[in-house]
Amino acid sequence: MRENVKILIADDTELMRLVMRGFFKKLLVNCYISETENLQDTYEKLKEEKFDLLLLDINMPNGDSSPNTVIELKKVYPDLHVVMFTGNDKKTLEAEYKAAGAFGFIQKDEHMNVSTKEIISELFG
C-alpha cells in the first residue's frame, strides 16, 4: 500500500468528513488529509496544495458538483483522482460522473467502508 497519500475530503457534513477520515487513516499509511465544507473552498484548497485524491460530495453549499465540475477539475488537475461521494442514488449517477472523468463513486450508506476500501486498493494498492 502506497504511503504519504494526500487526500482532500470535500463534504458539507462534519460527521461524513469524520467518518471518511477514519476510513482513510485505517486503510493508508501516513496519509495526509485536509477538508473543505463547500465547493468554493475546495477550489481554493486545490490551488494551494497538490492532492492525490479528492473525495467530492455532489450536493454542497456554494455550488453542487456536477459532471461538468469533474471535467473542469480534470482539465486543471489531470493527475487528481476524483471520487464522488453522495447520498444520491449511485445507480442513476455513477456512469455520468465516470464518463466525465471521476475515478469512482461512493454512496453514503452502510457499504461506504467496502466501496472506500475497493477504491483505495485500486488506486494505491
Protein backbone atom coordinates (compact mmCIF):
# COMPACT_ATOMS: atom_id res chain seq x y z
CA MET A 1 0.00 0.00 0.00
CA ARG A 2 1.38 3.39 -1.01
CA GLU A 3 2.38 5.77 1.79
CA ASN A 4 2.02 9.54 2.15
CA VAL A 5 -1.12 9.86 0.03
CA LYS A 6 -2.63 13.36 0.10
CA ILE A 7 -6.43 13.41 0.29
CA LEU A 8 -8.91 16.28 0.22
CA ILE A 9 -12.34 15.48 1.64
CA ALA A 10 -14.93 17.95 0.34
CA ASP A 11 -18.22 17.47 2.17
CA ASP A 12 -20.52 19.90 3.95
CA THR A 13 -21.32 17.47 6.78
CA GLU A 14 -18.80 17.24 9.60
CA LEU A 15 -19.90 13.70 10.51
CA MET A 16 -19.27 12.43 6.96
CA ARG A 17 -15.83 14.07 6.89
CA LEU A 18 -15.01 12.45 10.24
CA VAL A 19 -16.18 9.01 9.10
CA MET A 20 -14.24 9.17 5.83
CA ARG A 21 -11.14 10.49 7.59
CA GLY A 22 -11.31 7.40 9.83
CA PHE A 23 -11.63 5.05 6.85
CA PHE A 24 -8.65 6.63 5.09
CA LYS A 25 -6.49 6.61 8.22
CA LYS A 26 -7.28 2.92 8.70
CA LEU A 27 -6.55 1.97 5.08
CA LEU A 28 -3.49 4.10 4.29
CA VAL A 29 -0.11 4.53 5.96
CA ASN A 30 0.90 8.10 6.86
CA CYS A 31 -1.79 9.73 4.76
CA TYR A 32 -2.29 13.49 4.85
CA ILE A 33 -5.94 14.57 4.95
CA SER A 34 -7.36 18.03 4.50
CA GLU A 35 -11.03 19.03 4.49
CA THR A 36 -13.35 21.61 2.97
CA GLU A 37 -17.03 22.29 3.56
CA ASN A 38 -18.11 23.79 0.23
CA LEU A 39 -17.17 23.85 -3.44
CA GLN A 40 -15.55 27.30 -3.41
CA ASP A 41 -13.24 26.35 -0.52
CA THR A 42 -12.43 23.13 -2.39
CA TYR A 43 -11.25 25.08 -5.44
CA GLU A 44 -9.14 27.34 -3.21
CA LYS A 45 -7.55 24.39 -1.40
CA LEU A 46 -6.71 22.69 -4.70
CA LYS A 47 -4.93 25.86 -5.84
CA GLU A 48 -2.87 25.90 -2.62
CA GLU A 49 -1.84 22.23 -2.44
CA LYS A 50 -1.36 19.21 -4.67
CA PHE A 51 -3.57 16.23 -3.75
CA ASP A 52 -3.63 12.64 -4.97
CA LEU A 53 -7.33 12.11 -4.25
CA LEU A 54 -10.36 14.37 -3.99
CA LEU A 55 -13.41 12.88 -2.30
CA LEU A 56 -16.10 15.21 -3.63
CA ASP A 57 -19.64 15.45 -2.29
CA ILE A 58 -22.19 16.11 -5.03
CA ASN A 59 -24.55 18.34 -3.03
CA MET A 60 -22.77 21.17 -1.20
CA PRO A 61 -23.22 24.83 -0.34
CA ASN A 62 -21.88 27.37 -2.86
CA GLY A 63 -22.45 25.04 -5.78
CA ASP A 64 -23.24 21.42 -6.42
CA SER A 65 -20.64 19.18 -8.04
CA SER A 66 -21.96 18.26 -11.48
CA PRO A 67 -20.24 16.12 -14.09
CA ASN A 68 -19.05 19.43 -15.59
CA THR A 69 -17.31 20.15 -12.29
CA VAL A 70 -15.35 16.92 -12.70
CA ILE A 71 -14.48 17.77 -16.31
CA GLU A 72 -13.15 21.18 -15.28
CA LEU A 73 -11.18 19.77 -12.35
CA LYS A 74 -9.55 17.14 -14.56
CA LYS A 75 -8.55 19.83 -17.09
CA VAL A 76 -6.72 21.81 -14.41
CA TYR A 77 -5.53 18.84 -12.31
CA PRO A 78 -5.14 15.88 -14.69
CA ASP A 79 -3.34 13.70 -12.11
CA LEU A 80 -6.00 14.23 -9.42
CA HIS A 81 -8.20 11.19 -8.78
CA VAL A 82 -11.75 12.47 -8.22
CA VAL A 83 -14.09 10.15 -6.32
CA MET A 84 -17.70 11.23 -5.99
CA PHE A 85 -19.35 10.96 -2.59
CA THR A 86 -23.10 11.28 -2.22
CA GLY A 87 -26.32 10.20 -0.60
CA ASN A 88 -27.93 10.30 -4.06
CA ASP A 89 -28.62 7.09 -5.95
CA LYS A 90 -25.37 5.63 -7.28
CA LYS A 91 -27.10 3.60 -10.00
CA THR A 92 -28.53 6.67 -11.71
CA LEU A 93 -25.46 8.92 -11.41
CA GLU A 94 -22.29 6.81 -11.49
CA ALA A 95 -21.98 6.32 -15.27
CA GLU A 96 -22.37 10.03 -16.00
CA TYR A 97 -19.73 11.04 -13.44
CA LYS A 98 -17.30 8.34 -14.57
CA ALA A 99 -17.75 9.45 -18.18
CA ALA A 100 -16.81 12.96 -17.03
CA GLY A 101 -13.56 11.64 -15.54
CA ALA A 102 -14.39 10.61 -11.98
CA PHE A 103 -12.36 7.60 -10.87
CA GLY A 104 -15.01 6.19 -8.55
CA PHE A 105 -18.26 6.71 -6.74
CA ILE A 106 -19.05 6.13 -3.07
CA GLN A 107 -22.65 6.24 -1.93
CA LYS A 108 -23.28 7.34 1.64
CA ASP A 109 -24.79 4.16 3.03
CA GLU A 110 -23.96 1.10 5.09
CA HIS A 111 -21.47 -0.09 2.43
CA MET A 112 -19.26 3.03 2.38
CA ASN A 113 -16.39 1.19 4.03
CA VAL A 114 -16.38 -1.55 1.37
CA SER A 115 -16.52 0.95 -1.50
CA THR A 116 -13.77 3.05 0.06
CA LYS A 117 -11.52 0.03 0.57
CA GLU A 118 -12.02 -1.07 -3.06
CA ILE A 119 -11.19 2.38 -4.43
CA ILE A 120 -8.12 2.78 -2.20
CA SER A 121 -6.90 -0.67 -3.21
CA GLU A 122 -7.33 0.14 -6.92
CA LEU A 123 -5.61 3.50 -6.65
CA PHE A 124 -2.86 2.92 -4.15
CA GLY A 125 -2.67 -0.85 -3.60
